[in-house]
Amino acid sequence: IFTILRVLGVAGIVFTGIKYMYADGDAKGQIKKSLIFVIIGTIFVFAAGIVADSIAGIFGEVIK
């Protein structure tokens, strides 16, 4: 699931960046706001994956 969310997050950043490049002056402000939320969400997804992998690694070592 984390892999799918990571791919979607990066795709969202790329798609929003492309929209920003082709937008006119008035729309750029709104796209910039949405880009910030997409970047923050992607950071959370990557961080959650790292935390989950770390916890799984810790419990995997304890069980062995």
PDB file of N, CA and C in Angstrom:
ATOM      1  N   ILE A   1       0.833  -1.189   0.000  1.00  0.00           N
ATOM      2  CA  ILE A   1       0.000   0.000   0.000  1.00  0.00           C
ATOM      3  C   ILE A   1       0.877   1.252   0.000  1.00  0.00           C
ATOM      4  N   PHE A   2       1.970   1.220   0.786  1.00  0.00           N
ATOM      5  CA  PHE A   2       2.834   2.391   0.836  1.00  0.00           C
ATOM      6  C   PHE A   2       3.462   2.675  -0.526  1.00  0.00           C
ATOM      7  N   THR A   3       3.777   1.643  -1.268  1.00  0.00           N
ATOM      8  CA  THR A   3       4.373   1.848  -2.589  1.00  0.00           C
ATOM      9  C   THR A   3       3.400   2.550  -3.525  1.00  0.00           C
ATOM     10  N   ILE A   4       2.155   2.136  -3.488  1.00  0.00           N
ATOM     11  CA  ILE A   4       1.136   2.770  -4.332  1.00  0.00           C
ATOM     12  C   ILE A   4       0.954   4.224  -3.933  1.00  0.00           C
ATOM     13  N   LEU A   5       0.903   4.488  -2.621  1.00  0.00           N
ATOM     14  CA  LEU A   5       0.736   5.864  -2.153  1.00  0.00           C
ATOM     15  C   LEU A   5       1.944   6.730  -2.502  1.00  0.00           C
ATOM     16  N   ARG A   6       3.127   6.151  -2.444  1.00  0.00           N
ATOM     17  CA  ARG A   6       4.333   6.905  -2.816  1.00  0.00           C
ATOM     18  C   ARG A   6       4.313   7.273  -4.294  1.00  0.00           C
ATOM     19  N   VAL A   7       3.945   6.326  -5.133  1.00  0.00           N
ATOM     20  CA  VAL A   7       3.868   6.587  -6.578  1.00  0.00           C
ATOM     21  C   VAL A   7       2.815   7.650  -6.864  1.00  0.00           C
ATOM     22  N   LEU A   8       1.654   7.551  -6.204  1.00  0.00           N
ATOM     23  CA  LEU A   8       0.605   8.546  -6.406  1.00  0.00           C
ATOM     24  C   LEU A   8       1.034   9.928  -5.912  1.00  0.00           C
ATOM     25  N   GLY A   9       1.774   9.975  -4.820  1.00  0.00           N
ATOM     26  CA  GLY A   9       2.251  11.258  -4.312  1.00  0.00           C
ATOM     27  C   GLY A   9       3.206  11.936  -5.268  1.00  0.00           C
ATOM     28  N   VAL A  10       4.154  11.176  -5.787  1.00  0.00           N
ATOM     29  CA  VAL A  10       5.114  11.742  -6.745  1.00  0.00           C
ATOM     30  C   VAL A  10       4.404  12.125  -8.037  1.00  0.00           C
ATOM     31  N   ALA A  11       3.459  11.307  -8.472  1.00  0.00           N
ATOM     32  CA  ALA A  11       2.698  11.641  -9.676  1.00  0.00           C
ATOM     33  C   ALA A  11       1.877  12.909  -9.455  1.00  0.00           C
ATOM     34  N   GLY A  12       1.330  13.068  -8.255  1.00  0.00           N
ATOM     35  CA  GLY A  12       0.580  14.282  -7.948  1.00  0.00           C
ATOM     36  C   GLY A  12       1.449  15.517  -7.995  1.00  0.00           C
ATOM     37  N   ILE A  13       2.678  15.408  -7.493  1.00  0.00           N
ATOM     38  CA  ILE A  13       3.606  16.539  -7.544  1.00  0.00           C
ATOM     39  C   ILE A  13       3.948  16.881  -8.989  1.00  0.00           C
ATOM     40  N   VAL A  14       4.212  15.868  -9.799  1.00  0.00           N
ATOM     41  CA  VAL A  14       4.555  16.100 -11.212  1.00  0.00           C
ATOM     42  C   VAL A  14       3.369  16.718 -11.949  1.00  0.00           C
ATOM     43  N   PHE A  15       2.176  16.164 -11.742  1.00  0.00           N
ATOM     44  CA  PHE A  15       0.980  16.666 -12.423  1.00  0.00           C
ATOM     45  C   PHE A  15       0.683  18.113 -12.022  1.00  0.00           C
ATOM     46  N   THR A  16       0.789  18.413 -10.729  1.00  0.00           N
ATOM     47  CA  THR A  16       0.535  19.771 -10.265  1.00  0.00           C
ATOM     48  C   THR A  16       1.605  20.733 -10.789  1.00  0.00           C
ATOM     49  N   GLY A  17       2.847  20.270 -10.870  1.00  0.00           N
ATOM     50  CA  GLY A  17       3.912  21.095 -11.432  1.00  0.00           C
ATOM     51  C   GLY A  17       3.688  21.417 -12.899  1.00  0.00           C
ATOM     52  N   ILE A  18       3.211  20.441 -13.642  1.00  0.00           N
ATOM     53  CA  ILE A  18       2.909  20.675 -15.061  1.00  0.00           C
ATOM     54  C   ILE A  18       1.756  21.666 -15.201  1.00  0.00           C
ATOM     55  N   LYS A  19       0.722  21.512 -14.356  1.00  0.00           N
ATOM     56  CA  LYS A  19      -0.385  22.469 -14.376  1.00  0.00           C
ATOM     57  C   LYS A  19       0.110  23.874 -14.054  1.00  0.00           C
ATOM     58  N   TYR A  20       1.050  23.987 -13.122  1.00  0.00           N
ATOM     59  CA  TYR A  20       1.600  25.289 -12.733  1.00  0.00           C
ATOM     60  C   TYR A  20       2.364  25.929 -13.891  1.00  0.00           C
ATOM     61  N   MET A  21       3.100  25.115 -14.625  1.00  0.00           N
ATOM     62  CA  MET A  21       3.885  25.654 -15.737  1.00  0.00           C
ATOM     63  C   MET A  21       2.994  26.249 -16.818  1.00  0.00           C
ATOM     64  N   TYR A  22       1.833  25.655 -17.060  1.00  0.00           N
ATOM     65  CA  TYR A  22       0.975  26.105 -18.143  1.00  0.00           C
ATOM     66  C   TYR A  22      -0.145  27.035 -17.688  1.00  0.00           C
ATOM     67  N   ALA A  23      -0.205  27.369 -16.397  1.00  0.00           N
ATOM     68  CA  ALA A  23      -1.269  28.226 -15.889  1.00  0.00           C
ATOM     69  C   ALA A  23      -0.946  29.698 -16.144  1.00  0.00           C
ATOM     70  N   ASP A  24      -2.019  30.504 -16.177  1.00  0.00           N
ATOM     71  CA  ASP A  24      -1.803  31.937 -16.279  1.00  0.00           C
ATOM     72  C   ASP A  24      -1.575  32.519 -14.885  1.00  0.00           C
ATOM     73  N   GLY A  25      -1.372  33.796 -14.799  1.00  0.00           N
ATOM     74  CA  GLY A  25      -0.985  34.442 -13.554  1.00  0.00           C
ATOM     75  C   GLY A  25      -1.972  34.280 -12.416  1.00  0.00           C
ATOM     76  N   ASP A  26      -3.271  34.359 -12.696  1.00  0.00           N
ATOM     77  CA  ASP A  26      -4.277  34.273 -11.638  1.00  0.00           C
ATOM     78  C   ASP A  26      -4.400  32.865 -11.068  1.00  0.00           C
ATOM     79  N   ALA A  27      -4.266  31.880 -11.892  1.00  0.00           N
ATOM     80  CA  ALA A  27      -4.435  30.494 -11.445  1.00  0.00           C
ATOM     81  C   ALA A  27      -3.203  29.962 -10.719  1.00  0.00           C
ATOM     82  N   LYS A  28      -2.051  30.595 -10.927  1.00  0.00           N
ATOM     83  CA  LYS A  28      -0.820  30.091 -10.308  1.00  0.00           C
ATOM     84  C   LYS A  28      -0.879  30.130  -8.788  1.00  0.00           C
ATOM     85  N   GLY A  29      -1.532  31.119  -8.214  1.00  0.00           N
ATOM     86  CA  GLY A  29      -1.637  31.206  -6.763  1.00  0.00           C
ATOM     87  C   GLY A  29      -2.413  30.031  -6.181  1.00  0.00           C
ATOM     88  N   GLN A  30      -3.517  29.677  -6.807  1.00  0.00           N
ATOM     89  CA  GLN A  30      -4.326  28.546  -6.331  1.00  0.00           C
ATOM     90  C   GLN A  30      -3.582  27.226  -6.530  1.00  0.00           C
ATOM     91  N   ILE A  31      -2.903  27.077  -7.635  1.00  0.00           N
ATOM     92  CA  ILE A  31      -2.153  25.846  -7.886  1.00  0.00           C
ATOM     93  C   ILE A  31      -0.992  25.726  -6.907  1.00  0.00           C
ATOM     94  N   LYS A  32      -0.366  26.846  -6.572  1.00  0.00           N
ATOM     95  CA  LYS A  32       0.743  26.828  -5.622  1.00  0.00           C
ATOM     96  C   LYS A  32       0.262  26.357  -4.252  1.00  0.00           C
ATOM     97  N   LYS A  33      -0.941  26.786  -3.833  1.00  0.00           N
ATOM     98  CA  LYS A  33      -1.510  26.335  -2.561  1.00  0.00           C
ATOM     99  C   LYS A  33      -1.758  24.831  -2.580  1.00  0.00           C
ATOM    100  N   SER A  34      -2.311  24.328  -3.675  1.00  0.00           N
ATOM    101  CA  SER A  34      -2.581  22.889  -3.750  1.00  0.00           C
ATOM    102  C   SER A  34      -1.280  22.096  -3.831  1.00  0.00           C
ATOM    103  N   LEU A  35      -0.255  22.658  -4.456  1.00  0.00           N
ATOM    104  CA  LEU A  35       1.038  21.978  -4.541  1.00  0.00           C
ATOM    105  C   LEU A  35       1.658  21.816  -3.156  1.00  0.00           C
ATOM    106  N   ILE A  36       1.488  22.817  -2.308  1.00  0.00           N
ATOM    107  CA  ILE A  36       2.013  22.723  -0.944  1.00  0.00           C
ATOM    108  C   ILE A  36       1.355  21.561  -0.207  1.00  0.00           C
ATOM    109  N   PHE A  37       0.037  21.417  -0.349  1.00  0.00           N
ATOM    110  CA  PHE A  37      -0.661  20.316   0.319  1.00  0.00           C
ATOM    111  C   PHE A  37      -0.245  18.958  -0.239  1.00  0.00           C
ATOM    112  N   VAL A  38      -0.033  18.887  -1.538  1.00  0.00           N
ATOM    113  CA  VAL A  38       0.403  17.624  -2.154  1.00  0.00           C
ATOM    114  C   VAL A  38       1.801  17.251  -1.653  1.00  0.00           C
ATOM    115  N   ILE A  39       2.683  18.216  -1.559  1.00  0.00           N
ATOM    116  CA  ILE A  39       4.042  17.944  -1.075  1.00  0.00           C
ATOM    117  C   ILE A  39       4.014  17.504   0.384  1.00  0.00           C
ATOM    118  N   ILE A  40       3.235  18.187   1.221  1.00  0.00           N
ATOM    119  CA  ILE A  40       3.133  17.806   2.636  1.00  0.00           C
ATOM    120  C   ILE A  40       2.552  16.405   2.772  1.00  0.00           C
ATOM    121  N   GLY A  41       1.532  16.093   2.002  1.00  0.00           N
ATOM    122  CA  GLY A  41       0.948  14.754   2.040  1.00  0.00           C
ATOM    123  C   GLY A  41       1.932  13.680   1.612  1.00  0.00           C
ATOM    124  N   THR A  42       2.711  13.967   0.581  1.00  0.00           N
ATOM    125  CA  THR A  42       3.706  13.007   0.113  1.00  0.00           C
ATOM    126  C   THR A  42       4.800  12.797   1.162  1.00  0.00           C
ATOM    127  N   ILE A  43       5.200  13.870   1.835  1.00  0.00           N
ATOM    128  CA  ILE A  43       6.190  13.733   2.906  1.00  0.00           C
ATOM    129  C   ILE A  43       5.650  12.850   4.018  1.00  0.00           C
ATOM    130  N   PHE A  44       4.376  13.030   4.389  1.00  0.00           N
ATOM    131  CA  PHE A  44       3.770  12.189   5.416  1.00  0.00           C
ATOM    132  C   PHE A  44       3.721  10.721   5.001  1.00  0.00           C
ATOM    133  N   VAL A  45       3.425  10.468   3.732  1.00  0.00           N
ATOM    134  CA  VAL A  45       3.376   9.086   3.248  1.00  0.00           C
ATOM    135  C   VAL A  45       4.759   8.444   3.318  1.00  0.00           C
ATOM    136  N   PHE A  46       5.784   9.168   2.881  1.00  0.00           N
ATOM    137  CA  PHE A  46       7.140   8.628   2.944  1.00  0.00           C
ATOM    138  C   PHE A  46       7.569   8.407   4.394  1.00  0.00           C
ATOM    139  N   ALA A  47       7.248   9.363   5.264  1.00  0.00           N
ATOM    140  CA  ALA A  47       7.611   9.225   6.682  1.00  0.00           C
ATOM    141  C   ALA A  47       6.877   8.055   7.331  1.00  0.00           C
ATOM    142  N   ALA A  48       5.612   7.884   7.008  1.00  0.00           N
ATOM    143  CA  ALA A  48       4.849   6.772   7.576  1.00  0.00           C
ATOM    144  C   ALA A  48       5.422   5.435   7.117  1.00  0.00           C
ATOM    145  N   GLY A  49       5.866   5.359   5.886  1.00  0.00           N
ATOM    146  CA  GLY A  49       6.486   4.132   5.391  1.00  0.00           C
ATOM    147  C   GLY A  49       7.788   3.825   6.108  1.00  0.00           C
ATOM    148  N   ILE A  50       8.575   4.855   6.361  1.00  0.00           N
ATOM    149  CA  ILE A  50       9.841   4.665   7.068  1.00  0.00           C
ATOM    150  C   ILE A  50       9.580   4.211   8.504  1.00  0.00           C
ATOM    151  N   VAL A  51       8.613   4.843   9.166  1.00  0.00           N
ATOM    152  CA  VAL A  51       8.279   4.461  10.539  1.00  0.00           C
ATOM    153  C   VAL A  51       7.755   3.038  10.583  1.00  0.00           C
ATOM    154  N   ALA A  52       6.882   2.674   9.672  1.00  0.00           N
ATOM    155  CA  ALA A  52       6.325   1.319   9.650  1.00  0.00           C
ATOM    156  C   ALA A  52       7.420   0.285   9.393  1.00  0.00           C
ATOM    157  N   ASP A  53       8.329   0.580   8.488  1.00  0.00           N
ATOM    158  CA  ASP A  53       9.439  -0.341   8.220  1.00  0.00           C
ATOM    159  C   ASP A  53      10.350  -0.476   9.433  1.00  0.00           C
ATOM    160  N   SER A  54      10.588   0.630  10.132  1.00  0.00           N
ATOM    161  CA  SER A  54      11.430   0.590  11.328  1.00  0.00           C
ATOM    162  C   SER A  54      10.784  -0.235  12.431  1.00  0.00           C
ATOM    163  N   ILE A  55       9.503  -0.026  12.660  1.00  0.00           N
ATOM    164  CA  ILE A  55       8.787  -0.780  13.687  1.00  0.00           C
ATOM    165  C   ILE A  55       8.752  -2.261  13.339  1.00  0.00           C
ATOM    166  N   ALA A  56       8.515  -2.573  12.085  1.00  0.00           N
ATOM    167  CA  ALA A  56       8.503  -3.974  11.660  1.00  0.00           C
ATOM    168  C   ALA A  56       9.875  -4.598  11.845  1.00  0.00           C
ATOM    169  N   GLY A  57      10.923  -3.837  11.565  1.00  0.00           N
ATOM    170  CA  GLY A  57      12.285  -4.347  11.759  1.00  0.00           C
ATOM    171  C   GLY A  57      12.595  -4.585  13.215  1.00  0.00           C
ATOM    172  N   ILE A  58      12.176  -3.700  14.087  1.00  0.00           N
ATOM    173  CA  ILE A  58      12.412  -3.861  15.517  1.00  0.00           C
ATOM    174  C   ILE A  58      11.687  -5.088  16.048  1.00  0.00           C
ATOM    175  N   PHE A  59      10.411  -5.220  15.716  1.00  0.00           N
ATOM    176  CA  PHE A  59       9.646  -6.365  16.202  1.00  0.00           C
ATOM    177  C   PHE A  59      10.107  -7.670  15.556  1.00  0.00           C
ATOM    178  N   GLY A  60      10.620  -7.587  14.329  1.00  0.00           N
ATOM    179  CA  GLY A  60      11.147  -8.774  13.683  1.00  0.00           C
ATOM    180  C   GLY A  60      12.393  -9.290  14.387  1.00  0.00           C
ATOM    181  N   GLU A  61      13.238  -8.387  14.867  1.00  0.00           N
ATOM    182  CA  GLU A  61      14.435  -8.777  15.605  1.00  0.00           C
ATOM    183  C   GLU A  61      14.092  -9.314  16.989  1.00  0.00           C
ATOM    184  N   VAL A  62      13.069  -8.749  17.628  1.00  0.00           N
ATOM    185  CA  VAL A  62      12.687  -9.175  18.977  1.00  0.00           C
ATOM    186  C   VAL A  62      12.083 -10.580  18.932  1.00  0.00           C
ATOM    187  N   ILE A  63      11.309 -10.865  17.909  1.00  0.00           N
ATOM    188  CA  ILE A  63      10.644 -12.173  17.816  1.00  0.00           C
ATOM    189  C   ILE A  63      11.645 -13.266  17.514  1.00  0.00           C
ATOM    190  N   LYS A  64      12.683 -12.988  16.739  1.00  0.00           N
ATOM    191  CA  LYS A  64      13.667 -14.009  16.372  1.00  0.00           C
ATOM    192  C   LYS A  64      14.451 -14.343  17.585  1.00  0.00           C
TER     193      LYS A  64
END
